C-alpha atoms as a PDB file:
ATOM      1  CA  MET A   1      99.470 114.094 164.734  1.00  0.00           C
ATOM      2  CA  LEU A   2      98.791 110.765 163.075  1.00  0.00           C
ATOM      3  CA  GLN A   3      94.912 110.479 163.477  1.00  0.00           C
ATOM      4  CA  ILE A   4      92.996 107.329 162.692  1.00  0.00           C
ATOM      5  CA  ARG A   5      89.429 107.784 161.811  1.00  0.00           C
ATOM      6  CA  ASN A   6      86.414 104.587 162.023  1.00  0.00           C
ATOM      7  CA  LEU A   7      89.450 102.110 160.074  1.00  0.00           C
ATOM      8  CA  SER A   8      88.113  99.003 158.899  1.00  0.00           C
ATOM      9  CA  VAL A   9      89.743  96.373 157.003  1.00  0.00           C
ATOM     10  CA  LYS A  10      89.055  92.702 155.529  1.00  0.00           C
ATOM     11  CA  ILE A  11      90.602  90.469 153.856  1.00  0.00           C
ATOM     12  CA  GLY A  12      88.237  88.330 151.355  1.00  0.00           C
ATOM     13  CA  ASP A  13      84.937  88.684 153.613  1.00  0.00           C
ATOM     14  CA  LYS A  14      86.551  87.657 157.128  1.00  0.00           C
ATOM     15  CA  PRO A  15      86.495  91.413 158.988  1.00  0.00           C
ATOM     16  CA  ILE A  16      90.291  91.530 160.632  1.00  0.00           C
ATOM     17  CA  LEU A  17      89.944  95.299 161.074  1.00  0.00           C
ATOM     18  CA  ASN A  18      86.049  96.992 163.517  1.00  0.00           C
ATOM     19  CA  ASP A  19      86.126 100.752 163.580  1.00  0.00           C
ATOM     20  CA  VAL A  20      89.406 101.524 165.101  1.00  0.00           C
ATOM     21  CA  SER A  21      89.922 105.245 165.844  1.00  0.00           C
ATOM     22  CA  LEU A  22      93.187 106.136 167.315  1.00  0.00           C
ATOM     23  CA  GLN A  23      95.825 109.974 167.356  1.00  0.00           C
ATOM     24  CA  VAL A  24      99.155 109.545 167.743  1.00  0.00           C
ATOM     25  CA  SER A  25     101.342 112.543 169.111  1.00  0.00           C
ATOM     26  CA  SER A  26     105.032 113.867 168.256  1.00  0.00           C
ATOM     27  CA  GLY A  27     107.174 111.918 171.743  1.00  0.00           C
ATOM     28  CA  GLU A  28     104.138 109.853 171.764  1.00  0.00           C
ATOM     29  CA  VAL A  29     104.176 105.918 172.371  1.00  0.00           C
ATOM     30  CA  CYS A  30     101.075 104.393 172.062  1.00  0.00           C
ATOM     31  CA  CYS A  31     101.297 100.651 172.134  1.00  0.00           C
ATOM     32  CA  ILE A  32      98.399  98.179 170.672  1.00  0.00           C
ATOM     33  CA  ILE A  33      97.111  94.876 172.915  1.00  0.00           C
ATOM     34  CA  GLY A  34      94.678  92.384 172.234  1.00  0.00           C
ATOM     35  CA  PRO A  35      94.295  89.057 171.960  1.00  0.00           C
ATOM     36  CA  ASN A  36      95.577  86.584 168.856  1.00  0.00           C
ATOM     37  CA  GLY A  37      93.899  86.995 165.623  1.00  0.00           C
ATOM     38  CA  SER A  38      92.582  90.950 167.216  1.00  0.00           C
ATOM     39  CA  GLY A  39      93.761  92.267 164.344  1.00  0.00           C
ATOM     40  CA  LYS A  40      97.589  94.680 165.872  1.00  0.00           C
ATOM     41  CA  SER A  41      99.947  93.692 163.032  1.00  0.00           C
ATOM     42  CA  THR A  42      97.019  94.265 159.825  1.00  0.00           C
ATOM     43  CA  LEU A  43      96.669  98.091 161.816  1.00  0.00           C
ATOM     44  CA  LEU A  44     100.433  98.001 161.376  1.00  0.00           C
ATOM     45  CA  ARG A  45     100.699  97.101 157.919  1.00  0.00           C
ATOM     46  CA  SER A  46      96.786  99.195 156.664  1.00  0.00           C
ATOM     47  CA  ILE A  47      98.734 102.294 158.768  1.00  0.00           C
ATOM     48  CA  SER A  48     102.063 101.256 156.343  1.00  0.00           C
ATOM     49  CA  GLY A  49     100.401 100.903 153.288  1.00  0.00           C
ATOM     50  CA  ALA A  50     100.858  97.000 152.506  1.00  0.00           C
ATOM     51  CA  LEU A  51      97.211  97.106 152.953  1.00  0.00           C
ATOM     52  CA  THR A  52      94.401  98.794 151.495  1.00  0.00           C
ATOM     53  CA  PRO A  53      91.617  99.154 154.237  1.00  0.00           C
ATOM     54  CA  ARG A  54      88.205  98.953 153.511  1.00  0.00           C
ATOM     55  CA  SER A  55      86.852 102.222 154.785  1.00  0.00           C
ATOM     56  CA  GLY A  56      87.871 104.756 157.405  1.00  0.00           C
ATOM     57  CA  GLU A  57      91.090 106.773 157.231  1.00  0.00           C
ATOM     58  CA  ILE A  58      94.580 107.586 157.650  1.00  0.00           C
ATOM     59  CA  ASN A  59      95.734 110.969 157.842  1.00  0.00           C
ATOM     60  CA  TRP A  60      99.255 112.580 159.149  1.00  0.00           C
ATOM     61  CA  GLN A  61      99.266 116.401 159.738  1.00  0.00           C
ATOM     62  CA  ASN A  62      95.620 116.773 158.997  1.00  0.00           C
ATOM     63  CA  GLN A  63      97.103 115.423 154.738  1.00  0.00           C
ATOM     64  CA  PRO A  64      95.888 112.686 153.770  1.00  0.00           C
ATOM     65  CA  LEU A  65      98.689 110.307 153.910  1.00  0.00           C
ATOM     66  CA  PRO A  66     100.455 109.751 150.669  1.00  0.00           C
ATOM     67  CA  LYS A  67      98.813 106.511 148.347  1.00  0.00           C
ATOM     68  CA  ALA A  68     103.059 106.117 146.259  1.00  0.00           C
ATOM     69  CA  PRO A  69     105.064 103.693 148.116  1.00  0.00           C
ATOM     70  CA  GLN A  70     107.959 105.925 147.927  1.00  0.00           C
ATOM     71  CA  GLU A  71     106.923 108.750 149.231  1.00  0.00           C
ATOM     72  CA  ARG A  72     105.141 107.076 152.364  1.00  0.00           C
ATOM     73  CA  ALA A  73     107.646 105.048 153.092  1.00  0.00           C
ATOM     74  CA  ARG A  74     109.495 108.460 153.587  1.00  0.00           C
ATOM     75  CA  ILE A  75     107.350 108.960 156.387  1.00  0.00           C
ATOM     76  CA  ILE A  76     106.752 105.880 157.825  1.00  0.00           C
ATOM     77  CA  ALA A  77     109.605 103.649 159.198  1.00  0.00           C
ATOM     78  CA  MET A  78     107.978  99.750 160.452  1.00  0.00           C
ATOM     79  CA  LEU A  79     109.662  97.375 161.878  1.00  0.00           C
ATOM     80  CA  PRO A  80     107.667  93.853 161.122  1.00  0.00           C
ATOM     81  CA  GLN A  81     107.318  90.921 163.247  1.00  0.00           C
ATOM     82  CA  ASN A  82     110.276  89.327 160.911  1.00  0.00           C
ATOM     83  CA  VAL A  83     113.352  91.281 158.414  1.00  0.00           C
ATOM     84  CA  GLY A  84     113.571  88.809 156.642  1.00  0.00           C
ATOM     85  CA  ASN A  85     116.835  87.398 155.086  1.00  0.00           C
ATOM     86  CA  GLY A  86     119.369  89.263 156.322  1.00  0.00           C
ATOM     87  CA  GLU A  87     121.927  87.284 158.791  1.00  0.00           C
ATOM     88  CA  GLU A  88     125.088  87.662 157.077  1.00  0.00           C
ATOM     89  CA  MET A  89     124.470  91.243 156.966  1.00  0.00           C
ATOM     90  CA  ARG A  90     126.386  93.681 158.644  1.00  0.00           C
ATOM     91  CA  VAL A  91     125.185  96.408 161.104  1.00  0.00           C
ATOM     92  CA  GLU A  92     125.975  98.733 159.098  1.00  0.00           C
ATOM     93  CA  GLU A  93     124.458  97.303 155.522  1.00  0.00           C
ATOM     94  CA  MET A  94     121.008  96.792 157.912  1.00  0.00           C
ATOM     95  CA  ALA A  95     120.586  99.717 158.249  1.00  0.00           C
ATOM     96  CA  MET A  96     121.417 100.620 155.353  1.00  0.00           C
ATOM     97  CA  LEU A  97     118.392  99.393 153.485  1.00  0.00           C
ATOM     98  CA  GLY A  98     116.173 101.684 155.540  1.00  0.00           C
ATOM     99  CA  ARG A  99     117.390 104.566 153.433  1.00  0.00           C
ATOM    100  CA  THR A 100     115.497 102.550 150.007  1.00  0.00           C
ATOM    101  CA  PRO A 101     113.154 105.380 150.146  1.00  0.00           C
ATOM    102  CA  HIS A 102     115.579 107.997 149.636  1.00  0.00           C
ATOM    103  CA  LEU A 103     117.516 106.253 147.110  1.00  0.00           C
ATOM    104  CA  SER A 104     118.599 107.224 143.491  1.00  0.00           C
ATOM    105  CA  ALA A 105     117.409 105.659 140.441  1.00  0.00           C
ATOM    106  CA  TYR A 106     120.726 104.488 140.414  1.00  0.00           C
ATOM    107  CA  GLY A 107     120.516 102.956 143.729  1.00  0.00           C
ATOM    108  CA  ALA A 108     123.634 104.570 145.347  1.00  0.00           C
ATOM    109  CA  PRO A 109     124.536 106.394 148.802  1.00  0.00           C
ATOM    110  CA  SER A 110     124.527 109.636 148.747  1.00  0.00           C
ATOM    111  CA  LYS A 111     126.155 111.508 151.721  1.00  0.00           C
ATOM    112  CA  THR A 112     122.646 112.138 153.259  1.00  0.00           C
ATOM    113  CA  ASP A 113     121.835 108.852 153.032  1.00  0.00           C
ATOM    114  CA  ARG A 114     125.057 107.963 155.437  1.00  0.00           C
ATOM    115  CA  GLU A 115     124.888 110.608 157.792  1.00  0.00           C
ATOM    116  CA  SER A 116     121.483 108.746 158.323  1.00  0.00           C
ATOM    117  CA  VAL A 117     122.731 105.544 159.165  1.00  0.00           C
ATOM    118  CA  ASP A 118     124.994 106.818 161.045  1.00  0.00           C
ATOM    119  CA  GLU A 119     123.055 108.249 163.228  1.00  0.00           C
ATOM    120  CA  ALA A 120     120.768 105.434 163.657  1.00  0.00           C
ATOM    121  CA  VAL A 121     123.420 103.201 164.295  1.00  0.00           C
ATOM    122  CA  GLN A 122     125.017 105.731 166.315  1.00  0.00           C
ATOM    123  CA  LEU A 123     122.068 105.520 168.707  1.00  0.00           C
ATOM    124  CA  VAL A 124     120.932 101.807 168.581  1.00  0.00           C
ATOM    125  CA  ALA A 125     124.070  99.703 168.194  1.00  0.00           C
ATOM    126  CA  PRO A 126     127.455 102.249 168.275  1.00  0.00           C
ATOM    127  CA  ASP A 127     129.045  98.856 169.777  1.00  0.00           C
ATOM    128  CA  LEU A 128     127.929  96.653 167.047  1.00  0.00           C
ATOM    129  CA  ILE A 129     129.088  98.571 163.636  1.00  0.00           C
ATOM    130  CA  ASN A 130     130.750  95.633 162.028  1.00  0.00           C
ATOM    131  CA  ARG A 131     129.014  93.221 162.883  1.00  0.00           C
ATOM    132  CA  LEU A 132     127.440  90.670 161.434  1.00  0.00           C
ATOM    133  CA  LEU A 133     124.203  89.951 162.545  1.00  0.00           C
ATOM    134  CA  SER A 134     124.224  86.194 163.020  1.00  0.00           C
ATOM    135  CA  THR A 135     126.699  86.403 165.636  1.00  0.00           C
ATOM    136  CA  LEU A 136     124.400  88.906 167.936  1.00  0.00           C
ATOM    137  CA  SER A 137     122.544  87.339 170.875  1.00  0.00           C
ATOM    138  CA  GLY A 138     118.749  88.610 170.877  1.00  0.00           C
ATOM    139  CA  GLY A 139     119.598  92.381 172.889  1.00  0.00           C
ATOM    140  CA  GLU A 140     121.883  93.356 170.518  1.00  0.00           C
ATOM    141  CA  ARG A 141     119.855  91.444 167.239  1.00  0.00           C
ATOM    142  CA  GLN A 142     116.892  93.238 168.496  1.00  0.00           C
ATOM    143  CA  ARG A 143     118.982  96.376 168.866  1.00  0.00           C
ATOM    144  CA  ALA A 144     121.219  96.468 165.449  1.00  0.00           C
ATOM    145  CA  ILE A 145     117.538  95.640 163.385  1.00  0.00           C
ATOM    146  CA  LEU A 146     116.025  99.193 165.095  1.00  0.00           C
ATOM    147  CA  ALA A 147     118.684 100.932 162.928  1.00  0.00           C
ATOM    148  CA  ARG A 148     117.193  99.878 160.059  1.00  0.00           C
ATOM    149  CA  PRO A 149     113.232 102.000 160.503  1.00  0.00           C
ATOM    150  CA  LEU A 150     115.121 104.859 162.310  1.00  0.00           C
ATOM    151  CA  ALA A 151     117.793 105.286 159.013  1.00  0.00           C
ATOM    152  CA  THR A 152     115.264 106.275 157.124  1.00  0.00           C
ATOM    153  CA  MET A 153     114.088 109.355 159.524  1.00  0.00           C
ATOM    154  CA  ALA A 154     110.663 109.101 159.344  1.00  0.00           C
ATOM    155  CA  PRO A 155     108.724 111.316 161.608  1.00  0.00           C
ATOM    156  CA  ILE A 156     106.235 107.578 162.304  1.00  0.00           C
ATOM    157  CA  LEU A 157     107.320 104.582 163.778  1.00  0.00           C
ATOM    158  CA  LEU A 158     105.922 101.543 163.144  1.00  0.00           C
ATOM    159  CA  LEU A 159     106.971  98.868 166.002  1.00  0.00           C
ATOM    160  CA  ASP A 160     105.262  95.105 165.020  1.00  0.00           C
ATOM    161  CA  GLU A 161     106.685  93.241 168.717  1.00  0.00           C
ATOM    162  CA  PRO A 162     110.170  94.094 168.499  1.00  0.00           C
ATOM    163  CA  VAL A 163     110.232  92.453 172.172  1.00  0.00           C
ATOM    164  CA  SER A 164     108.584  89.150 171.434  1.00  0.00           C
ATOM    165  CA  ALA A 165     111.472  86.533 172.041  1.00  0.00           C
ATOM    166  CA  LEU A 166     113.901  88.337 174.815  1.00  0.00           C
ATOM    167  CA  ASP A 167     114.435  87.909 178.140  1.00  0.00           C
ATOM    168  CA  VAL A 168     112.656  89.957 180.722  1.00  0.00           C
ATOM    169  CA  ARG A 169     115.976  91.876 180.902  1.00  0.00           C
ATOM    170  CA  TYR A 170     116.299  92.658 177.155  1.00  0.00           C
ATOM    171  CA  GLN A 171     112.918  93.481 176.698  1.00  0.00           C
ATOM    172  CA  HIS A 172     112.764  96.661 179.035  1.00  0.00           C
ATOM    173  CA  GLU A 173     116.133  97.916 177.971  1.00  0.00           C
ATOM    174  CA  ILE A 174     114.257  97.588 174.375  1.00  0.00           C
ATOM    175  CA  LEU A 175     111.701  99.432 175.402  1.00  0.00           C
ATOM    176  CA  ALA A 176     113.099 102.365 177.192  1.00  0.00           C
ATOM    177  CA  LEU A 177     115.989 102.751 174.264  1.00  0.00           C
ATOM    178  CA  VAL A 178     112.149 102.590 171.815  1.00  0.00           C
ATOM    179  CA  LEU A 179     110.689 105.162 174.379  1.00  0.00           C
ATOM    180  CA  ARG A 180     114.325 107.508 175.219  1.00  0.00           C
ATOM    181  CA  LEU A 181     113.978 107.977 171.155  1.00  0.00           C
ATOM    182  CA  THR A 182     110.605 108.254 170.603  1.00  0.00           C
ATOM    183  CA  ARG A 183     111.268 110.703 172.804  1.00  0.00           C
ATOM    184  CA  LYS A 184     114.863 112.540 171.380  1.00  0.00           C
ATOM    185  CA  ARG A 185     113.524 112.494 167.535  1.00  0.00           C
ATOM    186  CA  LYS A 186     109.748 113.315 168.041  1.00  0.00           C
ATOM    187  CA  LEU A 187     109.194 110.178 167.013  1.00  0.00           C
ATOM    188  CA  ALA A 188     104.690 109.295 166.479  1.00  0.00           C
ATOM    189  CA  THR A 189     105.508 105.617 167.287  1.00  0.00           C
ATOM    190  CA  ILE A 190     103.299 102.635 167.352  1.00  0.00           C
ATOM    191  CA  CYS A 191     104.194  99.131 169.243  1.00  0.00           C
ATOM    192  CA  VAL A 192     102.219  96.543 169.108  1.00  0.00           C
ATOM    193  CA  LEU A 193     102.861  94.433 172.154  1.00  0.00           C
ATOM    194  CA  HIS A 194     101.774  91.354 173.647  1.00  0.00           C
ATOM    195  CA  GLY A 195     102.538  91.900 177.638  1.00  0.00           C
ATOM    196  CA  ILE A 196     100.090  94.312 179.053  1.00  0.00           C
ATOM    197  CA  ASN A 197     102.174  94.950 181.744  1.00  0.00           C
ATOM    198  CA  LEU A 198     105.158  96.552 179.543  1.00  0.00           C
ATOM    199  CA  ALA A 199     102.528  98.508 177.119  1.00  0.00           C
ATOM    200  CA  SER A 200     101.466 100.048 180.537  1.00  0.00           C
ATOM    201  CA  LEU A 201     104.722 101.284 181.453  1.00  0.00           C
ATOM    202  CA  ILE A 202     106.103 102.854 178.154  1.00  0.00           C
ATOM    203  CA  ALA A 203     102.808 103.445 176.865  1.00  0.00           C
ATOM    204  CA  ASP A 204     101.637 107.012 176.743  1.00  0.00           C
ATOM    205  CA  SER A 205      97.977 105.382 174.853  1.00  0.00           C
ATOM    206  CA  ILE A 206      96.806 102.006 174.664  1.00  0.00           C
ATOM    207  CA  LEU A 207      94.760 101.295 172.372  1.00  0.00           C
ATOM    208  CA  LEU A 208      93.106  97.721 173.073  1.00  0.00           C
ATOM    209  CA  LEU A 209      91.492  95.451 170.293  1.00  0.00           C
ATOM    210  CA  GLY A 210      89.641  92.061 170.815  1.00  0.00           C
ATOM    211  CA  ALA A 211      87.539  89.365 168.718  1.00  0.00           C
ATOM    212  CA  GLY A 212      87.404  90.333 165.022  1.00  0.00           C
ATOM    213  CA  GLY A 213      89.687  93.244 165.270  1.00  0.00           C
ATOM    214  CA  LYS A 214      86.468  95.278 167.639  1.00  0.00           C
ATOM    215  CA  GLN A 215      87.442  98.384 169.350  1.00  0.00           C
ATOM    216  CA  ILE A 216      87.111  97.727 173.463  1.00  0.00           C
ATOM    217  CA  ALA A 217      88.922 100.549 174.369  1.00  0.00           C
ATOM    218  CA  PHE A 218      91.086 103.749 173.302  1.00  0.00           C
ATOM    219  CA  GLY A 219      93.387 106.100 176.382  1.00  0.00           C
ATOM    220  CA  SER A 220      95.338 106.465 178.492  1.00  0.00           C
ATOM    221  CA  PRO A 221      97.307 102.933 180.471  1.00  0.00           C
ATOM    222  CA  ALA A 222      94.836 103.520 183.611  1.00  0.00           C
ATOM    223  CA  GLU A 223      91.795 104.308 181.035  1.00  0.00           C
ATOM    224  CA  VAL A 224      91.796 101.117 179.403  1.00  0.00           C
ATOM    225  CA  LEU A 225      93.147  98.452 181.256  1.00  0.00           C
ATOM    226  CA  THR A 226      90.569  98.319 183.729  1.00  0.00           C
ATOM    227  CA  GLU A 227      89.883  95.299 184.825  1.00  0.00           C
ATOM    228  CA  ALA A 228      86.067  94.228 183.110  1.00  0.00           C
ATOM    229  CA  ASN A 229      88.180  95.585 180.272  1.00  0.00           C
ATOM    230  CA  LEU A 230      90.999  92.574 180.418  1.00  0.00           C
ATOM    231  CA  SER A 231      88.561  89.878 182.001  1.00  0.00           C
ATOM    232  CA  GLN A 232      86.184  90.951 178.968  1.00  0.00           C
ATOM    233  CA  VAL A 233      89.362  90.138 175.957  1.00  0.00           C
ATOM    234  CA  TYR A 234      91.767  88.231 177.346  1.00  0.00           C
ATOM    235  CA  GLU A 235      88.194  86.393 179.116  1.00  0.00           C
ATOM    236  CA  MET A 236      90.338  84.414 182.125  1.00  0.00           C
ATOM    237  CA  PRO A 237      90.128  86.659 185.157  1.00  0.00           C
ATOM    238  CA  LEU A 238      92.350  88.998 185.487  1.00  0.00           C
ATOM    239  CA  LYS A 239      92.745  91.871 188.984  1.00  0.00           C
ATOM    240  CA  VAL A 240      95.091  95.550 187.880  1.00  0.00           C
ATOM    241  CA  VAL A 241      96.626  96.446 190.634  1.00  0.00           C
ATOM    242  CA  ASN A 242      99.245  99.875 190.622  1.00  0.00           C
ATOM    243  CA  HIS A 243     103.056  99.475 189.925  1.00  0.00           C
ATOM    244  CA  PRO A 244     105.044  99.894 193.032  1.00  0.00           C
ATOM    245  CA  ILE A 245     106.924 102.761 191.492  1.00  0.00           C
ATOM    246  CA  SER A 246     105.311 104.263 188.308  1.00  0.00           C
ATOM    247  CA  GLY A 247     102.361 103.941 190.182  1.00  0.00           C
ATOM    248  CA  ARG A 248     100.984 102.037 186.532  1.00  0.00           C
ATOM    249  CA  PRO A 249      98.265  99.467 185.733  1.00  0.00           C
ATOM    250  CA  GLN A 250      99.424  95.364 186.452  1.00  0.00           C
ATOM    251  CA  ALA A 251      97.966  93.008 185.307  1.00  0.00           C
ATOM    252  CA  GLN A 252      97.517  89.703 187.621  1.00  0.00           C
ATOM    253  CA  SER A 253      95.561  86.381 186.360  1.00  0.00           C
ATOM    254  CA  MET A 254      93.551  85.204 189.817  1.00  0.00           C
ATOM    255  CA  TRP A 255      94.278  81.525 187.787  1.00  0.00           C
ATOM    256  CA  ASN A 256      95.655  78.830 190.836  1.00  0.00           C
ATOM    257  CA  PHE A 257      97.240  76.329 189.086  1.00  0.00           C
ATOM    258  CA  ASP A 258      97.442  74.221 191.239  1.00  0.00           C
ATOM    259  CA  LEU A 259      99.025  70.601 189.957  1.00  0.00           C
ATOM    260  CA  ASP A 260      98.780  69.005 193.088  1.00  0.00           C
ATOM    261  CA  ARG A 261      94.305  69.619 192.913  1.00  0.00           C
ATOM    262  CA  ASP A 262      94.186  69.186 189.306  1.00  0.00           C
ATOM    263  CA  SER A 263      95.781  65.696 189.035  1.00  0.00           C
ATOM    264  CA  GLU A 264      93.825  64.034 191.985  1.00  0.00           C
END
């Protein structure tokens, strides 16, 4: 289990996260939602070790996460919003970057490295293994770059807005893949999403953050996605109904976009 207790982060004098707590067990997906600027990405960066919290604890299996970057990277694999320059890399080469924490001092991939990369690519993008990233569609690209953190073979997977630029079909395909891999590999997965309804459909638990990185709620989708919580955080009227198939809560805007009336 990944446990975060009373985590607070400041950048300069500005509070970004304020007393945040959550827990994620192996085989579960936790989604983080909230408005822009509520500290969602900052939380992932704090867990990964890219930022140092002002206070609080981050534990894995009841032990503090190691501070040494290479040791921490063997436990935590993160897919950021922007993976950087890699357009002219082949999918297999991109996946090999996930093995960086395990490479020897000479940097030469071992048999284990190659097997881990092959397994990751076969799981998410077996049809794309020899393709350049620059030749892939949005959905194909997201599948391909997901092989990179999976190749790390880390038990904790952090995903920062993995479907933000995709159409509705690819959003569902990528998130279904994430859920399937989380269950198959028994990962503790934390996924930042802007889509409230998508988060509700895949999450075992949801963390709702508000302004200033304040924790509004943490729990099951039904516990967190209430009309009171969502309307408060997003500062707009939202109605919550049950999904017709899954029964999970879904948020609907109560704004009326009457353009003809507004133009009078």
